[in-house]
């Protein structure tokens, strides 16, 4: 899978979101997208690393403490 495929999926879903909104005003889109993508990403990474937080943090390119905060935020700890 290419990076562009993920970008295309996000783009298509945002187009659908705006179409479905119609005349309604959009708000908090950044948080909506981050939350929609972050939790399944974290779930997948934790599965792939057998819940090894150090390996998961390395794969994600983030600090282990940051990973723990994100896992807690999403109820994954």
PDB file of N, CA and C in Angstrom:
ATOM      1  N   UNK A   1       0.856  -1.186   0.000  1.00  0.00           N
ATOM      2  CA  UNK A   1       0.000   0.000   0.000  1.00  0.00           C
ATOM      3  C   UNK A   1       0.891   1.233   0.000  1.00  0.00           C
ATOM      4  N   UNK A   2       0.548   2.154  -0.840  1.00  0.00           N
ATOM      5  CA  UNK A   2       1.316   3.392  -0.923  1.00  0.00           C
ATOM      6  C   UNK A   2       0.724   4.441   0.008  1.00  0.00           C
ATOM      7  N   UNK A   3       1.586   5.362   0.429  1.00  0.00           N
ATOM      8  CA  UNK A   3       1.143   6.473   1.271  1.00  0.00           C
ATOM      9  C   UNK A   3       0.001   7.223   0.605  1.00  0.00           C
ATOM     10  N   UNK A   4       0.053   7.328  -0.707  1.00  0.00           N
ATOM     11  CA  UNK A   4      -0.982   8.045  -1.440  1.00  0.00           C
ATOM     12  C   UNK A   4      -2.349   7.388  -1.251  1.00  0.00           C
ATOM     13  N   UNK A   5      -2.382   6.067  -1.063  1.00  0.00           N
ATOM     14  CA  UNK A   5      -3.652   5.370  -0.875  1.00  0.00           C
ATOM     15  C   UNK A   5      -4.336   5.830   0.401  1.00  0.00           C
ATOM     16  N   UNK A   6      -3.571   6.013   1.457  1.00  0.00           N
ATOM     17  CA  UNK A   6      -4.130   6.506   2.712  1.00  0.00           C
ATOM     18  C   UNK A   6      -4.616   7.935   2.528  1.00  0.00           C
ATOM     19  N   UNK A   7      -3.817   8.740   1.860  1.00  0.00           N
ATOM     20  CA  UNK A   7      -4.209  10.127   1.612  1.00  0.00           C
ATOM     21  C   UNK A   7      -5.478  10.190   0.770  1.00  0.00           C
ATOM     22  N   UNK A   8      -5.567   9.337  -0.233  1.00  0.00           N
ATOM     23  CA  UNK A   8      -6.761   9.302  -1.078  1.00  0.00           C
ATOM     24  C   UNK A   8      -7.986   8.896  -0.269  1.00  0.00           C
ATOM     25  N   UNK A   9      -7.839   7.938   0.632  1.00  0.00           N
ATOM     26  CA  UNK A   9      -8.951   7.500   1.465  1.00  0.00           C
ATOM     27  C   UNK A   9      -9.428   8.636   2.368  1.00  0.00           C
ATOM     28  N   UNK A  10      -8.497   9.367   2.958  1.00  0.00           N
ATOM     29  CA  UNK A  10      -8.861  10.500   3.806  1.00  0.00           C
ATOM     30  C   UNK A  10      -9.562  11.563   2.963  1.00  0.00           C
ATOM     31  N   UNK A  11      -9.002  11.859   1.813  1.00  0.00           N
ATOM     32  CA  UNK A  11      -9.581  12.864   0.919  1.00  0.00           C
ATOM     33  C   UNK A  11     -11.008  12.487   0.529  1.00  0.00           C
ATOM     34  N   UNK A  12     -11.205  11.244   0.131  1.00  0.00           N
ATOM     35  CA  UNK A  12     -12.533  10.790  -0.288  1.00  0.00           C
ATOM     36  C   UNK A  12     -13.523  10.860   0.870  1.00  0.00           C
ATOM     37  N   UNK A  13     -13.102  10.468   2.044  1.00  0.00           N
ATOM     38  CA  UNK A  13     -13.993  10.511   3.199  1.00  0.00           C
ATOM     39  C   UNK A  13     -14.335  11.937   3.594  1.00  0.00           C
ATOM     40  N   UNK A  14     -13.390  12.840   3.468  1.00  0.00           N
ATOM     41  CA  UNK A  14     -13.687  14.250   3.751  1.00  0.00           C
ATOM     42  C   UNK A  14     -14.654  14.820   2.717  1.00  0.00           C
ATOM     43  N   UNK A  15     -14.473  14.445   1.463  1.00  0.00           N
ATOM     44  CA  UNK A  15     -15.433  14.877   0.438  1.00  0.00           C
ATOM     45  C   UNK A  15     -16.835  14.393   0.783  1.00  0.00           C
ATOM     46  N   UNK A  16     -16.942  13.137   1.185  1.00  0.00           N
ATOM     47  CA  UNK A  16     -18.240  12.576   1.574  1.00  0.00           C
ATOM     48  C   UNK A  16     -18.809  13.312   2.780  1.00  0.00           C
ATOM     49  N   UNK A  17     -17.964  13.623   3.739  1.00  0.00           N
ATOM     50  CA  UNK A  17     -18.383  14.339   4.944  1.00  0.00           C
ATOM     51  C   UNK A  17     -18.977  15.697   4.584  1.00  0.00           C
ATOM     52  N   UNK A  18     -18.261  16.449   3.747  1.00  0.00           N
ATOM     53  CA  UNK A  18     -18.746  17.773   3.350  1.00  0.00           C
ATOM     54  C   UNK A  18     -20.025  17.679   2.525  1.00  0.00           C
ATOM     55  N   UNK A  19     -20.096  16.673   1.673  1.00  0.00           N
ATOM     56  CA  UNK A  19     -21.312  16.481   0.878  1.00  0.00           C
ATOM     57  C   UNK A  19     -22.491  16.181   1.797  1.00  0.00           C
ATOM     58  N   UNK A  20     -22.270  15.309   2.767  1.00  0.00           N
ATOM     59  CA  UNK A  20     -23.346  14.941   3.689  1.00  0.00           C
ATOM     60  C   UNK A  20     -23.764  16.105   4.585  1.00  0.00           C
ATOM     61  N   UNK A  21     -22.825  17.005   4.877  1.00  0.00           N
ATOM     62  CA  UNK A  21     -23.154  18.172   5.703  1.00  0.00           C
ATOM     63  C   UNK A  21     -24.127  19.105   4.998  1.00  0.00           C
ATOM     64  N   UNK A  22     -24.017  19.162   3.698  1.00  0.00           N
ATOM     65  CA  UNK A  22     -24.876  20.067   2.942  1.00  0.00           C
ATOM     66  C   UNK A  22     -24.601  21.509   3.320  1.00  0.00           C
ATOM     67  N   UNK A  23     -25.626  22.198   3.773  1.00  0.00           N
ATOM     68  CA  UNK A  23     -25.510  23.620   4.124  1.00  0.00           C
ATOM     69  C   UNK A  23     -25.051  23.846   5.564  1.00  0.00           C
ATOM     70  N   UNK A  24     -24.929  22.783   6.347  1.00  0.00           N
ATOM     71  CA  UNK A  24     -24.503  22.923   7.741  1.00  0.00           C
ATOM     72  C   UNK A  24     -23.043  23.363   7.803  1.00  0.00           C
ATOM     73  N   UNK A  25     -22.719  24.111   8.842  1.00  0.00           N
ATOM     74  CA  UNK A  25     -21.347  24.592   9.043  1.00  0.00           C
ATOM     75  C   UNK A  25     -20.489  23.478   9.656  1.00  0.00           C
ATOM     76  N   UNK A  26     -19.335  23.243   9.076  1.00  0.00           N
ATOM     77  CA  UNK A  26     -18.382  22.263   9.613  1.00  0.00           C
ATOM     78  C   UNK A  26     -17.597  22.896  10.760  1.00  0.00           C
ATOM     79  N   UNK A  27     -17.220  22.067  11.739  1.00  0.00           N
ATOM     80  CA  UNK A  27     -16.391  22.562  12.834  1.00  0.00           C
ATOM     81  C   UNK A  27     -15.564  21.419  13.410  1.00  0.00           C
ATOM     82  N   UNK A  28     -14.457  21.763  14.018  1.00  0.00           N
ATOM     83  CA  UNK A  28     -13.567  20.800  14.684  1.00  0.00           C
ATOM     84  C   UNK A  28     -13.122  19.661  13.772  1.00  0.00           C
ATOM     85  N   UNK A  29     -12.899  19.964  12.518  1.00  0.00           N
ATOM     86  CA  UNK A  29     -12.526  18.929  11.553  1.00  0.00           C
ATOM     87  C   UNK A  29     -11.174  18.314  11.897  1.00  0.00           C
ATOM     88  N   UNK A  30     -10.232  19.140  12.315  1.00  0.00           N
ATOM     89  CA  UNK A  30      -8.904  18.619  12.642  1.00  0.00           C
ATOM     90  C   UNK A  30      -9.010  17.543  13.720  1.00  0.00           C
ATOM     91  N   UNK A  31      -9.675  17.864  14.831  1.00  0.00           N
ATOM     92  CA  UNK A  31      -9.819  16.891  15.915  1.00  0.00           C
ATOM     93  C   UNK A  31     -10.570  15.652  15.456  1.00  0.00           C
ATOM     94  N   UNK A  32     -11.603  15.837  14.648  1.00  0.00           N
ATOM     95  CA  UNK A  32     -12.392  14.719  14.151  1.00  0.00           C
ATOM     96  C   UNK A  32     -11.516  13.750  13.356  1.00  0.00           C
ATOM     97  N   UNK A  33     -10.701  14.292  12.452  1.00  0.00           N
ATOM     98  CA  UNK A  33      -9.858  13.441  11.606  1.00  0.00           C
ATOM     99  C   UNK A  33      -8.762  12.765  12.434  1.00  0.00           C
ATOM    100  N   UNK A  34      -8.115  13.525  13.306  1.00  0.00           N
ATOM    101  CA  UNK A  34      -7.047  12.943  14.121  1.00  0.00           C
ATOM    102  C   UNK A  34      -7.596  11.809  14.982  1.00  0.00           C
ATOM    103  N   UNK A  35      -8.718  12.032  15.630  1.00  0.00           N
ATOM    104  CA  UNK A  35      -9.298  10.989  16.480  1.00  0.00           C
ATOM    105  C   UNK A  35      -9.740   9.780  15.665  1.00  0.00           C
ATOM    106  N   UNK A  36     -10.270  10.016  14.473  1.00  0.00           N
ATOM    107  CA  UNK A  36     -10.731   8.916  13.629  1.00  0.00           C
ATOM    108  C   UNK A  36      -9.580   8.054  13.134  1.00  0.00           C
ATOM    109  N   UNK A  37      -8.426   8.654  12.928  1.00  0.00           N
ATOM    110  CA  UNK A  37      -7.274   7.933  12.390  1.00  0.00           C
ATOM    111  C   UNK A  37      -6.386   7.388  13.505  1.00  0.00           C
ATOM    112  N   UNK A  38      -6.239   8.153  14.568  1.00  0.00           N
ATOM    113  CA  UNK A  38      -5.261   7.811  15.606  1.00  0.00           C
ATOM    114  C   UNK A  38      -5.596   6.513  16.340  1.00  0.00           C
ATOM    115  N   UNK A  39      -6.832   6.339  16.767  1.00  0.00           N
ATOM    116  CA  UNK A  39      -7.162   5.143  17.546  1.00  0.00           C
ATOM    117  C   UNK A  39      -6.954   3.846  16.756  1.00  0.00           C
ATOM    118  N   UNK A  40      -7.503   3.716  15.539  1.00  0.00           N
ATOM    119  CA  UNK A  40      -7.255   2.464  14.811  1.00  0.00           C
ATOM    120  C   UNK A  40      -5.784   2.256  14.484  1.00  0.00           C
ATOM    121  N   UNK A  41      -5.050   3.343  14.252  1.00  0.00           N
ATOM    122  CA  UNK A  41      -3.614   3.227  14.006  1.00  0.00           C
ATOM    123  C   UNK A  41      -2.914   2.666  15.244  1.00  0.00           C
ATOM    124  N   UNK A  42      -3.231   3.222  16.402  1.00  0.00           N
ATOM    125  CA  UNK A  42      -2.623   2.746  17.648  1.00  0.00           C
ATOM    126  C   UNK A  42      -2.991   1.293  17.914  1.00  0.00           C
ATOM    127  N   UNK A  43      -4.242   0.937  17.682  1.00  0.00           N
ATOM    128  CA  UNK A  43      -4.667  -0.453  17.877  1.00  0.00           C
ATOM    129  C   UNK A  43      -3.866  -1.400  16.992  1.00  0.00           C
ATOM    130  N   UNK A  44      -3.683  -1.019  15.744  1.00  0.00           N
ATOM    131  CA  UNK A  44      -2.945  -1.866  14.802  1.00  0.00           C
ATOM    132  C   UNK A  44      -1.481  -1.984  15.197  1.00  0.00           C
ATOM    133  N   UNK A  45      -0.869  -0.872  15.546  1.00  0.00           N
ATOM    134  CA  UNK A  45       0.548  -0.887  15.925  1.00  0.00           C
ATOM    135  C   UNK A  45       0.756  -1.724  17.180  1.00  0.00           C
ATOM    136  N   UNK A  46      -0.138  -1.584  18.151  1.00  0.00           N
ATOM    137  CA  UNK A  46      -0.001  -2.367  19.384  1.00  0.00           C
ATOM    138  C   UNK A  46      -0.178  -3.854  19.099  1.00  0.00           C
ATOM    139  N   UNK A  47      -1.052  -4.193  18.170  1.00  0.00           N
ATOM    140  CA  UNK A  47      -1.221  -5.598  17.781  1.00  0.00           C
ATOM    141  C   UNK A  47       0.042  -6.111  17.098  1.00  0.00           C
ATOM    142  N   UNK A  48       0.561  -5.315  16.175  1.00  0.00           N
ATOM    143  CA  UNK A  48       1.756  -5.732  15.421  1.00  0.00           C
ATOM    144  C   UNK A  48       2.983  -5.888  16.312  1.00  0.00           C
ATOM    145  N   UNK A  49       3.035  -5.148  17.409  1.00  0.00           N
ATOM    146  CA  UNK A  49       4.199  -5.206  18.308  1.00  0.00           C
ATOM    147  C   UNK A  49       3.916  -6.041  19.552  1.00  0.00           C
ATOM    148  N   UNK A  50       2.816  -6.790  19.544  1.00  0.00           N
ATOM    149  CA  UNK A  50       2.416  -7.580  20.715  1.00  0.00           C
ATOM    150  C   UNK A  50       2.398  -6.729  21.976  1.00  0.00           C
ATOM    151  N   UNK A  51       1.896  -5.504  21.838  1.00  0.00           N
ATOM    152  CA  UNK A  51       1.745  -4.541  22.936  1.00  0.00           C
ATOM    153  C   UNK A  51       3.064  -4.082  23.547  1.00  0.00           C
ATOM    154  N   UNK A  52       4.152  -4.214  22.795  1.00  0.00           N
ATOM    155  CA  UNK A  52       5.446  -3.712  23.263  1.00  0.00           C
ATOM    156  C   UNK A  52       5.487  -2.210  22.983  1.00  0.00           C
ATOM    157  N   UNK A  53       5.376  -1.418  24.049  1.00  0.00           N
ATOM    158  CA  UNK A  53       5.279   0.025  23.888  1.00  0.00           C
ATOM    159  C   UNK A  53       6.556   0.648  23.332  1.00  0.00           C
ATOM    160  N   UNK A  54       7.689   0.111  23.683  1.00  0.00           N
ATOM    161  CA  UNK A  54       8.949   0.654  23.148  1.00  0.00           C
ATOM    162  C   UNK A  54       9.031   0.448  21.644  1.00  0.00           C
ATOM    163  N   UNK A  55       8.695  -0.760  21.182  1.00  0.00           N
ATOM    164  CA  UNK A  55       8.700  -1.036  19.742  1.00  0.00           C
ATOM    165  C   UNK A  55       7.643  -0.195  19.029  1.00  0.00           C
ATOM    166  N   UNK A  56       6.481  -0.089  19.645  1.00  0.00           N
ATOM    167  CA  UNK A  56       5.404   0.693  19.031  1.00  0.00           C
ATOM    168  C   UNK A  56       5.805   2.155  18.895  1.00  0.00           C
ATOM    169  N   UNK A  57       6.406   2.716  19.947  1.00  0.00           N
ATOM    170  CA  UNK A  57       6.853   4.111  19.897  1.00  0.00           C
ATOM    171  C   UNK A  57       7.882   4.295  18.795  1.00  0.00           C
ATOM    172  N   UNK A  58       8.807   3.331  18.676  1.00  0.00           N
ATOM    173  CA  UNK A  58       9.821   3.406  17.613  1.00  0.00           C
ATOM    174  C   UNK A  58       9.163   3.364  16.236  1.00  0.00           C
ATOM    175  N   UNK A  59       8.203   2.466  16.051  1.00  0.00           N
ATOM    176  CA  UNK A  59       7.515   2.360  14.758  1.00  0.00           C
ATOM    177  C   UNK A  59       6.799   3.661  14.411  1.00  0.00           C
ATOM    178  N   UNK A  60       6.206   4.280  15.424  1.00  0.00           N
ATOM    179  CA  UNK A  60       5.451   5.511  15.206  1.00  0.00           C
ATOM    180  C   UNK A  60       6.336   6.746  15.112  1.00  0.00           C
ATOM    181  N   UNK A  61       7.572   6.617  15.585  1.00  0.00           N
ATOM    182  CA  UNK A  61       8.479   7.764  15.572  1.00  0.00           C
ATOM    183  C   UNK A  61       8.148   8.776  16.653  1.00  0.00           C
ATOM    184  N   UNK A  62       7.609   8.271  17.774  1.00  0.00           N
ATOM    185  CA  UNK A  62       7.276   9.155  18.889  1.00  0.00           C
ATOM    186  C   UNK A  62       7.911   8.630  20.171  1.00  0.00           C
ATOM    187  N   UNK A  63       7.922   9.467  21.173  1.00  0.00           N
ATOM    188  CA  UNK A  63       8.440   9.121  22.488  1.00  0.00           C
ATOM    189  C   UNK A  63       7.500   8.116  23.158  1.00  0.00           C
ATOM    190  N   UNK A  64       8.048   7.194  23.960  1.00  0.00           N
ATOM    191  CA  UNK A  64       7.230   6.197  24.638  1.00  0.00           C
ATOM    192  C   UNK A  64       6.209   6.852  25.574  1.00  0.00           C
ATOM    193  N   UNK A  65       6.599   7.915  26.252  1.00  0.00           N
ATOM    194  CA  UNK A  65       5.656   8.613  27.141  1.00  0.00           C
ATOM    195  C   UNK A  65       4.498   9.216  26.351  1.00  0.00           C
ATOM    196  N   UNK A  66       4.790   9.744  25.172  1.00  0.00           N
ATOM    197  CA  UNK A  66       3.739  10.281  24.305  1.00  0.00           C
ATOM    198  C   UNK A  66       2.799   9.161  23.884  1.00  0.00           C
ATOM    199  N   UNK A  67       3.366   8.019  23.549  1.00  0.00           N
ATOM    200  CA  UNK A  67       2.548   6.865  23.173  1.00  0.00           C
ATOM    201  C   UNK A  67       1.628   6.478  24.323  1.00  0.00           C
ATOM    202  N   UNK A  68       2.160   6.409  25.532  1.00  0.00           N
ATOM    203  CA  UNK A  68       1.344   6.038  26.693  1.00  0.00           C
ATOM    204  C   UNK A  68       0.175   7.014  26.884  1.00  0.00           C
ATOM    205  N   UNK A  69       0.446   8.305  26.728  1.00  0.00           N
ATOM    206  CA  UNK A  69      -0.611   9.307  26.856  1.00  0.00           C
ATOM    207  C   UNK A  69      -1.698   9.078  25.808  1.00  0.00           C
ATOM    208  N   UNK A  70      -1.284   8.793  24.585  1.00  0.00           N
ATOM    209  CA  UNK A  70      -2.249   8.572  23.506  1.00  0.00           C
ATOM    210  C   UNK A  70      -3.053   7.289  23.760  1.00  0.00           C
ATOM    211  N   UNK A  71      -2.390   6.246  24.226  1.00  0.00           N
ATOM    212  CA  UNK A  71      -3.084   4.999  24.536  1.00  0.00           C
ATOM    213  C   UNK A  71      -4.104   5.209  25.649  1.00  0.00           C
ATOM    214  N   UNK A  72      -3.718   5.942  26.667  1.00  0.00           N
ATOM    215  CA  UNK A  72      -4.636   6.238  27.767  1.00  0.00           C
ATOM    216  C   UNK A  72      -5.817   7.071  27.268  1.00  0.00           C
ATOM    217  N   UNK A  73      -5.526   8.070  26.452  1.00  0.00           N
ATOM    218  CA  UNK A  73      -6.574   8.955  25.919  1.00  0.00           C
ATOM    219  C   UNK A  73      -7.643   8.148  25.168  1.00  0.00           C
ATOM    220  N   UNK A  74      -7.208   7.130  24.453  1.00  0.00           N
ATOM    221  CA  UNK A  74      -8.131   6.322  23.643  1.00  0.00           C
ATOM    222  C   UNK A  74      -8.655   5.101  24.387  1.00  0.00           C
ATOM    223  N   UNK A  75      -8.318   4.980  25.673  1.00  0.00           N
ATOM    224  CA  UNK A  75      -8.790   3.844  26.464  1.00  0.00           C
ATOM    225  C   UNK A  75      -8.172   2.531  26.055  1.00  0.00           C
ATOM    226  N   UNK A  76      -6.942   2.581  25.583  1.00  0.00           N
ATOM    227  CA  UNK A  76      -6.265   1.371  25.112  1.00  0.00           C
ATOM    228  C   UNK A  76      -5.267   0.807  26.120  1.00  0.00           C
ATOM    229  N   UNK A  77      -5.218   1.381  27.308  1.00  0.00           N
ATOM    230  CA  UNK A  77      -4.359   0.857  28.380  1.00  0.00           C
ATOM    231  C   UNK A  77      -5.202   0.347  29.509  1.00  0.00           C
TER     232      UNK A  77
END
